C-alpha atoms as a PDB file:
ATOM      1  CA  MET A   1       3.668 -10.275  -7.240  1.00  0.00           C
ATOM      2  CA  SER A   2       3.749 -11.899  -3.809  1.00  0.00           C
ATOM      3  CA  GLN A   3       1.151 -14.595  -3.313  1.00  0.00           C
ATOM      4  CA  ARG A   4       1.182 -14.655   0.488  1.00  0.00           C
ATOM      5  CA  PRO A   5       1.635 -12.204   3.354  1.00  0.00           C
ATOM      6  CA  LEU A   6       5.225 -11.479   4.330  1.00  0.00           C
ATOM      7  CA  THR A   7       6.547 -12.473   7.720  1.00  0.00           C
ATOM      8  CA  ALA A   8       7.727  -9.649   9.970  1.00  0.00           C
ATOM      9  CA  GLU A   9      11.325 -10.677   9.292  1.00  0.00           C
ATOM     10  CA  GLU A  10      10.814 -10.739   5.515  1.00  0.00           C
ATOM     11  CA  ALA A  11       9.168  -7.319   5.646  1.00  0.00           C
ATOM     12  CA  ARG A  12      12.088  -5.858   7.594  1.00  0.00           C
ATOM     13  CA  VAL A  13      14.713  -7.359   5.261  1.00  0.00           C
ATOM     14  CA  LEU A  14      12.952  -6.104   2.135  1.00  0.00           C
ATOM     15  CA  ALA A  15      12.491  -2.603   3.537  1.00  0.00           C
ATOM     16  CA  VAL A  16      16.104  -2.348   4.694  1.00  0.00           C
ATOM     17  CA  LEU A  17      17.356  -3.309   1.236  1.00  0.00           C
ATOM     18  CA  VAL A  18      15.244  -0.571  -0.353  1.00  0.00           C
ATOM     19  CA  GLU A  19      16.292   1.995   2.250  1.00  0.00           C
ATOM     20  CA  LYS A  20      20.019   1.267   2.097  1.00  0.00           C
ATOM     21  CA  GLN A  21      20.024   1.313  -1.705  1.00  0.00           C
ATOM     22  CA  HIS A  22      19.281   5.027  -1.441  1.00  0.00           C
ATOM     23  CA  THR A  23      21.003   6.016   1.805  1.00  0.00           C
ATOM     24  CA  VAL A  24      24.310   4.110   1.461  1.00  0.00           C
ATOM     25  CA  PRO A  25      24.557   3.354  -2.276  1.00  0.00           C
ATOM     26  CA  ASP A  26      28.302   2.650  -2.085  1.00  0.00           C
ATOM     27  CA  SER A  27      27.606  -0.341   0.186  1.00  0.00           C
ATOM     28  CA  TYR A  28      24.724  -1.664  -1.929  1.00  0.00           C
ATOM     29  CA  PRO A  29      23.984  -4.521  -2.695  1.00  0.00           C
ATOM     30  CA  LEU A  30      24.280  -5.496   0.960  1.00  0.00           C
ATOM     31  CA  SER A  31      26.234  -8.311   2.548  1.00  0.00           C
ATOM     32  CA  LEU A  32      24.477 -10.543   5.057  1.00  0.00           C
ATOM     33  CA  ASN A  33      26.276  -8.770   7.900  1.00  0.00           C
ATOM     34  CA  ALA A  34      25.335  -5.271   6.701  1.00  0.00           C
ATOM     35  CA  LEU A  35      21.761  -6.349   6.105  1.00  0.00           C
ATOM     36  CA  THR A  36      21.511  -7.800   9.610  1.00  0.00           C
ATOM     37  CA  LEU A  37      22.862  -4.573  11.106  1.00  0.00           C
ATOM     38  CA  GLY A  38      20.275  -2.590   9.140  1.00  0.00           C
ATOM     39  CA  CYS A  39      17.471  -4.848  10.345  1.00  0.00           C
ATOM     40  CA  ASN A  40      18.534  -4.402  13.978  1.00  0.00           C
ATOM     41  CA  GLN A  41      19.062  -0.648  13.740  1.00  0.00           C
ATOM     42  CA  LYS A  42      17.615   1.110  16.776  1.00  0.00           C
ATOM     43  CA  THR A  43      16.780   4.423  15.091  1.00  0.00           C
ATOM     44  CA  ALA A  44      14.008   4.886  12.515  1.00  0.00           C
ATOM     45  CA  ARG A  45      12.584   1.441  13.306  1.00  0.00           C
ATOM     46  CA  ASP A  46       9.222   0.484  14.766  1.00  0.00           C
ATOM     47  CA  PRO A  47       9.392  -2.082  16.141  1.00  0.00           C
ATOM     48  CA  VAL A  48      13.088  -2.456  16.957  1.00  0.00           C
ATOM     49  CA  MET A  49      14.162  -6.015  16.139  1.00  0.00           C
ATOM     50  CA  GLN A  50      17.035  -8.251  17.201  1.00  0.00           C
ATOM     51  CA  LEU A  51      17.536 -10.691  14.343  1.00  0.00           C
ATOM     52  CA  SER A  52      20.392 -13.140  13.957  1.00  0.00           C
ATOM     53  CA  GLU A  53      22.110 -13.709  10.620  1.00  0.00           C
ATOM     54  CA  ALA A  54      20.278 -17.041  10.474  1.00  0.00           C
ATOM     55  CA  ASP A  55      16.943 -15.207  10.870  1.00  0.00           C
ATOM     56  CA  VAL A  56      17.869 -12.796   8.088  1.00  0.00           C
ATOM     57  CA  LEU A  57      19.037 -15.602   5.805  1.00  0.00           C
ATOM     58  CA  GLN A  58      15.750 -17.445   6.329  1.00  0.00           C
ATOM     59  CA  ALA A  59      13.862 -14.262   5.434  1.00  0.00           C
ATOM     60  CA  ILE A  60      16.022 -13.807   2.343  1.00  0.00           C
ATOM     61  CA  ASN A  61      15.183 -17.315   1.162  1.00  0.00           C
ATOM     62  CA  GLY A  62      11.483 -16.606   1.605  1.00  0.00           C
ATOM     63  CA  LEU A  63      11.785 -13.353  -0.337  1.00  0.00           C
ATOM     64  CA  LYS A  64      13.694 -15.112  -3.114  1.00  0.00           C
ATOM     65  CA  GLU A  65      10.752 -17.478  -3.575  1.00  0.00           C
ATOM     66  CA  LEU A  66       8.535 -14.417  -4.051  1.00  0.00           C
ATOM     67  CA  SER A  67      10.986 -12.849  -6.543  1.00  0.00           C
ATOM     68  CA  LEU A  68      11.470  -9.885  -4.203  1.00  0.00           C
ATOM     69  CA  VAL A  69      15.175 -10.401  -3.451  1.00  0.00           C
ATOM     70  CA  ASN A  70      18.114 -11.549  -5.573  1.00  0.00           C
ATOM     71  CA  GLU A  71      21.528 -12.915  -4.678  1.00  0.00           C
ATOM     72  CA  VAL A  72      24.304 -11.014  -6.431  1.00  0.00           C
ATOM     73  CA  SER A  73      27.346 -12.959  -7.612  1.00  0.00           C
ATOM     74  CA  GLY A  74      30.781 -11.762  -8.675  1.00  0.00           C
ATOM     75  CA  SER A  75      31.963 -10.654  -5.241  1.00  0.00           C
ATOM     76  CA  ARG A  76      34.056 -12.349  -2.567  1.00  0.00           C
ATOM     77  CA  VAL A  77      31.170 -11.745  -0.177  1.00  0.00           C
ATOM     78  CA  VAL A  78      27.637 -12.829  -1.076  1.00  0.00           C
ATOM     79  CA  ARG A  79      25.429  -9.777  -1.464  1.00  0.00           C
ATOM     80  CA  PHE A  80      21.723  -9.191  -1.893  1.00  0.00           C
ATOM     81  CA  ASP A  81      19.537  -6.646  -3.666  1.00  0.00           C
ATOM     82  CA  HIS A  82      15.784  -6.141  -3.888  1.00  0.00           C
ATOM     83  CA  ASN A  83      13.292  -6.418  -6.724  1.00  0.00           C
ATOM     84  CA  ALA A  84      10.457  -4.663  -4.897  1.00  0.00           C
ATOM     85  CA  ALA A  85       8.964  -2.615  -7.710  1.00  0.00           C
ATOM     86  CA  ARG A  86       8.629  -5.518 -10.128  1.00  0.00           C
ATOM     87  CA  GLY A  87       7.895  -8.120  -7.469  1.00  0.00           C
ATOM     88  CA  LEU A  88       5.073  -6.067  -5.944  1.00  0.00           C
ATOM     89  CA  GLY A  89       3.930  -4.606  -9.237  1.00  0.00           C
ATOM     90  CA  VAL A  90       4.055  -0.987  -8.062  1.00  0.00           C
ATOM     91  CA  PRO A  91       6.011   2.128  -9.149  1.00  0.00           C
ATOM     92  CA  SER A  92       9.123   3.346  -7.328  1.00  0.00           C
ATOM     93  CA  GLN A  93       7.138   6.109  -5.584  1.00  0.00           C
ATOM     94  CA  SER A  94       4.889   3.494  -4.019  1.00  0.00           C
ATOM     95  CA  VAL A  95       7.897   1.359  -3.071  1.00  0.00           C
ATOM     96  CA  ALA A  96       9.271   4.353  -1.119  1.00  0.00           C
ATOM     97  CA  LEU A  97       5.991   4.760   0.790  1.00  0.00           C
ATOM     98  CA  LEU A  98       5.674   1.048   1.536  1.00  0.00           C
ATOM     99  CA  THR A  99       9.282   0.962   2.722  1.00  0.00           C
ATOM    100  CA  MET A 100       8.680   3.663   5.306  1.00  0.00           C
ATOM    101  CA  LEU A 101       5.489   1.986   6.498  1.00  0.00           C
ATOM    102  CA  LEU A 102       7.380  -1.295   6.846  1.00  0.00           C
ATOM    103  CA  LEU A 103      10.231   0.326   8.768  1.00  0.00           C
ATOM    104  CA  ARG A 104       8.343   2.790  10.979  1.00  0.00           C
ATOM    105  CA  GLY A 105       4.786   1.521  11.283  1.00  0.00           C
ATOM    106  CA  PRO A 106       1.587   3.538  10.634  1.00  0.00           C
ATOM    107  CA  GLN A 107       2.142   7.185   9.683  1.00  0.00           C
ATOM    108  CA  THR A 108       0.287  10.218   8.398  1.00  0.00           C
ATOM    109  CA  SER A 109       0.784  11.532   4.857  1.00  0.00           C
ATOM    110  CA  ALA A 110       2.897  14.388   6.252  1.00  0.00           C
ATOM    111  CA  GLU A 111       5.167  11.978   8.119  1.00  0.00           C
ATOM    112  CA  LEU A 112       5.525   9.787   5.046  1.00  0.00           C
ATOM    113  CA  ARG A 113       6.437  12.725   2.842  1.00  0.00           C
ATOM    114  CA  LEU A 114       9.224  13.709   5.228  1.00  0.00           C
ATOM    115  CA  HIS A 115      10.501  10.205   5.908  1.00  0.00           C
ATOM    116  CA  THR A 116      10.676   9.250   2.208  1.00  0.00           C
ATOM    117  CA  GLU A 117      12.738  12.343   1.329  1.00  0.00           C
ATOM    118  CA  ARG A 118      15.895  10.332   0.614  1.00  0.00           C
ATOM    119  CA  LEU A 119      14.045   7.581  -1.259  1.00  0.00           C
ATOM    120  CA  HIS A 120      11.749   9.777  -3.343  1.00  0.00           C
ATOM    121  CA  ARG A 121      11.025  13.483  -3.122  1.00  0.00           C
ATOM    122  CA  PHE A 122       7.278  14.055  -3.320  1.00  0.00           C
ATOM    123  CA  ALA A 123       6.214  17.517  -4.476  1.00  0.00           C
ATOM    124  CA  ASP A 124       3.524  17.859  -1.807  1.00  0.00           C
ATOM    125  CA  ILE A 125       1.303  15.909   0.557  1.00  0.00           C
ATOM    126  CA  SER A 126      -1.434  15.545  -2.051  1.00  0.00           C
ATOM    127  CA  SER A 127       1.045  13.674  -4.247  1.00  0.00           C
ATOM    128  CA  VAL A 128       1.754  11.275  -1.382  1.00  0.00           C
ATOM    129  CA  GLU A 129      -1.968  10.761  -0.844  1.00  0.00           C
ATOM    130  CA  GLY A 130      -2.483  10.093  -4.534  1.00  0.00           C
ATOM    131  CA  PHE A 131      -0.099   7.140  -4.470  1.00  0.00           C
ATOM    132  CA  LEU A 132      -1.528   5.920  -1.159  1.00  0.00           C
ATOM    133  CA  ASP A 133      -5.050   6.009  -2.555  1.00  0.00           C
ATOM    134  CA  GLU A 134      -3.896   3.985  -5.541  1.00  0.00           C
ATOM    135  CA  LEU A 135      -2.253   1.406  -3.274  1.00  0.00           C
ATOM    136  CA  ALA A 136      -5.444   1.211  -1.217  1.00  0.00           C
ATOM    137  CA  GLU A 137      -7.799   0.824  -4.172  1.00  0.00           C
ATOM    138  CA  ARG A 138      -6.001  -1.549  -6.536  1.00  0.00           C
ATOM    139  CA  GLU A 139      -5.984  -5.323  -6.038  1.00  0.00           C
ATOM    140  CA  PRO A 140      -4.302  -6.684  -4.087  1.00  0.00           C
ATOM    141  CA  LYS A 141      -4.615  -3.796  -1.667  1.00  0.00           C
ATOM    142  CA  ARG A 142      -1.230  -2.777  -0.284  1.00  0.00           C
ATOM    143  CA  VAL A 143      -2.200  -0.124   2.291  1.00  0.00           C
ATOM    144  CA  VAL A 144      -5.175   0.871   4.405  1.00  0.00           C
ATOM    145  CA  LYS A 145      -6.220   4.197   5.939  1.00  0.00           C
ATOM    146  CA  LEU A 146      -6.674   3.697   9.658  1.00  0.00           C
ATOM    147  CA  PRO A 147      -9.598   5.187  11.615  1.00  0.00           C
ATOM    148  CA  ARG A 148      -8.718   8.522  13.162  1.00  0.00           C
ATOM    149  CA  GLY A 149      -8.275   8.208  16.923  1.00  0.00           C
ATOM    150  CA  PRO A 150      -9.453  10.716  19.538  1.00  0.00           C
ATOM    151  CA  GLY A 151      -7.469  13.943  19.263  1.00  0.00           C
ATOM    152  CA  GLU A 152      -5.825  12.962  15.983  1.00  0.00           C
ATOM    153  CA  ARG A 153      -6.150  15.538  13.217  1.00  0.00           C
ATOM    154  CA  GLU A 154      -4.851  13.313  10.455  1.00  0.00           C
ATOM    155  CA  ASN A 155      -5.497   9.715   9.462  1.00  0.00           C
ATOM    156  CA  ARG A 156      -2.580   7.347   9.577  1.00  0.00           C
ATOM    157  CA  TRP A 157      -1.819   4.755   6.937  1.00  0.00           C
ATOM    158  CA  ALA A 158      -0.603   1.185   7.428  1.00  0.00           C
ATOM    159  CA  HIS A 159       0.735  -1.421   4.993  1.00  0.00           C
ATOM    160  CA  LEU A 160      -0.984  -4.733   4.294  1.00  0.00           C
ATOM    161  CA  LEU A 161       2.057  -6.674   3.085  1.00  0.00           C
ATOM    162  CA  CYS A 162       2.034  -8.789   6.249  1.00  0.00           C
ATOM    163  CA  GLY A 163      -1.736  -9.294   6.181  1.00  0.00           C
ATOM    164  CA  GLU A 164      -4.639  -7.427   7.729  1.00  0.00           C
ATOM    165  CA  VAL A 165      -3.787  -4.774  10.307  1.00  0.00           C
ATOM    166  CA  GLN A 166      -4.807  -5.460  13.881  1.00  0.00           C
ATOM    167  CA  ILE A 167      -5.658  -2.154  15.595  1.00  0.00           C
ATOM    168  CA  PRO A 168      -5.034  -2.389  19.348  1.00  0.00           C
ATOM    169  CA  GLU A 169      -8.024  -1.245  21.397  1.00  0.00           C
ATOM    170  CA  THR A 170      -5.710   0.837  23.584  1.00  0.00           C
ATOM    171  CA  ALA A 171      -4.777   2.929  20.557  1.00  0.00           C
ATOM    172  CA  ALA A 172      -8.244   4.425  20.509  1.00  0.00           C
ATOM    173  CA  PHE A 173      -7.743   5.753  24.027  1.00  0.00           C
ATOM    174  CA  ALA A 174      -4.219   7.077  23.698  1.00  0.00           C
ATOM    175  CA  PRO A 175      -3.929  10.680  24.895  1.00  0.00           C
ATOM    176  CA  THR A 176      -3.471  13.316  22.239  1.00  0.00           C
ATOM    177  CA  SER A 177       0.000  14.122  23.534  1.00  0.00           C
ATOM    178  CA  THR A 178       1.261  10.660  22.595  1.00  0.00           C
ATOM    179  CA  ARG A 179       0.933  11.460  18.902  1.00  0.00           C
ATOM    180  CA  ALA A 180       2.235  14.640  17.294  1.00  0.00           C
ATOM    181  CA  THR A 181      -0.265  16.484  15.121  1.00  0.00           C
ATOM    182  CA  GLY A 182       0.041  19.322  12.635  1.00  0.00           C
ATOM    183  CA  HIS A 183       3.393  21.088  12.930  1.00  0.00           C
ATOM    184  CA  GLY A 184       4.287  18.999  15.957  1.00  0.00           C
ATOM    185  CA  ASP A 185       3.925  15.923  13.772  1.00  0.00           C
ATOM    186  CA  GLU A 186       6.510  17.234  11.324  1.00  0.00           C
ATOM    187  CA  LEU A 187       8.851  18.335  14.135  1.00  0.00           C
ATOM    188  CA  ALA A 188       8.836  14.844  15.621  1.00  0.00           C
ATOM    189  CA  ALA A 189       9.516  13.398  12.175  1.00  0.00           C
ATOM    190  CA  ILE A 190      12.451  15.786  11.703  1.00  0.00           C
ATOM    191  CA  LYS A 191      13.937  14.665  15.022  1.00  0.00           C
ATOM    192  CA  ASP A 192      13.561  11.034  13.967  1.00  0.00           C
ATOM    193  CA  GLU A 193      15.297  11.820  10.690  1.00  0.00           C
ATOM    194  CA  GLN A 194      18.200  13.497  12.498  1.00  0.00           C
ATOM    195  CA  ALA A 195      18.622  10.446  14.719  1.00  0.00           C
ATOM    196  CA  ARG A 196      18.555   8.159  11.697  1.00  0.00           C
ATOM    197  CA  MET A 197      21.162  10.217   9.841  1.00  0.00           C
ATOM    198  CA  ALA A 198      23.406  10.244  12.922  1.00  0.00           C
ATOM    199  CA  ALA A 199      23.182   6.454  13.096  1.00  0.00           C
ATOM    200  CA  GLU A 200      24.030   6.116   9.409  1.00  0.00           C
ATOM    201  CA  LEU A 201      27.010   8.455   9.820  1.00  0.00           C
ATOM    202  CA  SER A 202      28.249   6.246  12.632  1.00  0.00           C
ATOM    203  CA  GLU A 203      27.870   3.180  10.400  1.00  0.00           C
ATOM    204  CA  LEU A 204      29.825   4.870   7.598  1.00  0.00           C
ATOM    205  CA  ARG A 205      32.624   5.882   9.965  1.00  0.00           C
ATOM    206  CA  ALA A 206      32.903   2.304  11.187  1.00  0.00           C
ATOM    207  CA  LEU A 207      32.996   1.072   7.591  1.00  0.00           C
ATOM    208  CA  VAL A 208      35.759   3.519   6.635  1.00  0.00           C
ATOM    209  CA  LEU A 209      37.782   2.567   9.715  1.00  0.00           C
ATOM    210  CA  ARG A 210      37.451  -1.141   8.951  1.00  0.00           C
ATOM    211  CA  MET A 211      38.462  -0.638   5.304  1.00  0.00           C
ATOM    212  CA  ALA A 212      41.432   1.513   6.327  1.00  0.00           C
ATOM    213  CA  THR A 213      42.575  -1.135   8.788  1.00  0.00           C
ATOM    214  CA  GLU A 214      42.339  -3.851   6.128  1.00  0.00           C
ATOM    215  CA  LEU A 215      44.361  -1.723   3.707  1.00  0.00           C
ATOM    216  CA  GLY A 216      46.913  -0.689   6.331  1.00  0.00           C
ATOM    217  CA  VAL A 217      46.060   2.993   5.901  1.00  0.00           C
ATOM    218  CA  ASP A 218      45.866   5.533   8.691  1.00  0.00           C
ATOM    219  CA  PRO A 219      42.245   6.834   8.499  1.00  0.00           C
ATOM    220  CA  LYS A 220      43.340  10.129  10.077  1.00  0.00           C
ATOM    221  CA  GLY A 221      46.243  10.538   7.746  1.00  0.00           C
END
């Protein structure tokens, strides 16, 4: 179990490892290059980061000290995998929820259910809320339910892995249109998911092309 708050870079690295384990299993564990690309991905990320390999390596070393990341041997390229469930002391369902909160920022239960579809398929929103409540009540607390802002129909949740959440004062005055609610909330999440899948498809195509070039094979052949 981690004994200190994660840095923003450590949080991003850990979440990307969990995400890519499920979305691109053939490339997992991840090389430093692939992990850096995942951290700097422009879709399905809030905030978008621009980390160097040195930044990512520093985060990896910090996560190793917390028993959250392991270095995998036996390959020509050094690769890394996560140990989130055991390191954080939470079940895989909770790891999926924390991963999405780390990658995308505060979200409603409906958004989390949709965004975690490829990591864990929750039966319904009440199931999502059950795991969130557990994460919020047990010690150390891993998530917090944020106050509902003007015009918001649903509470959003935020993770506490990087310490206490600072709620910007401007958030309380954001117009209703800036946050999707109800069905609009799910529609926006679906659009985000489509953008994320398109980005992953592009990554896979680039990987296949690079492998084909290394093997001297015509990828169109």
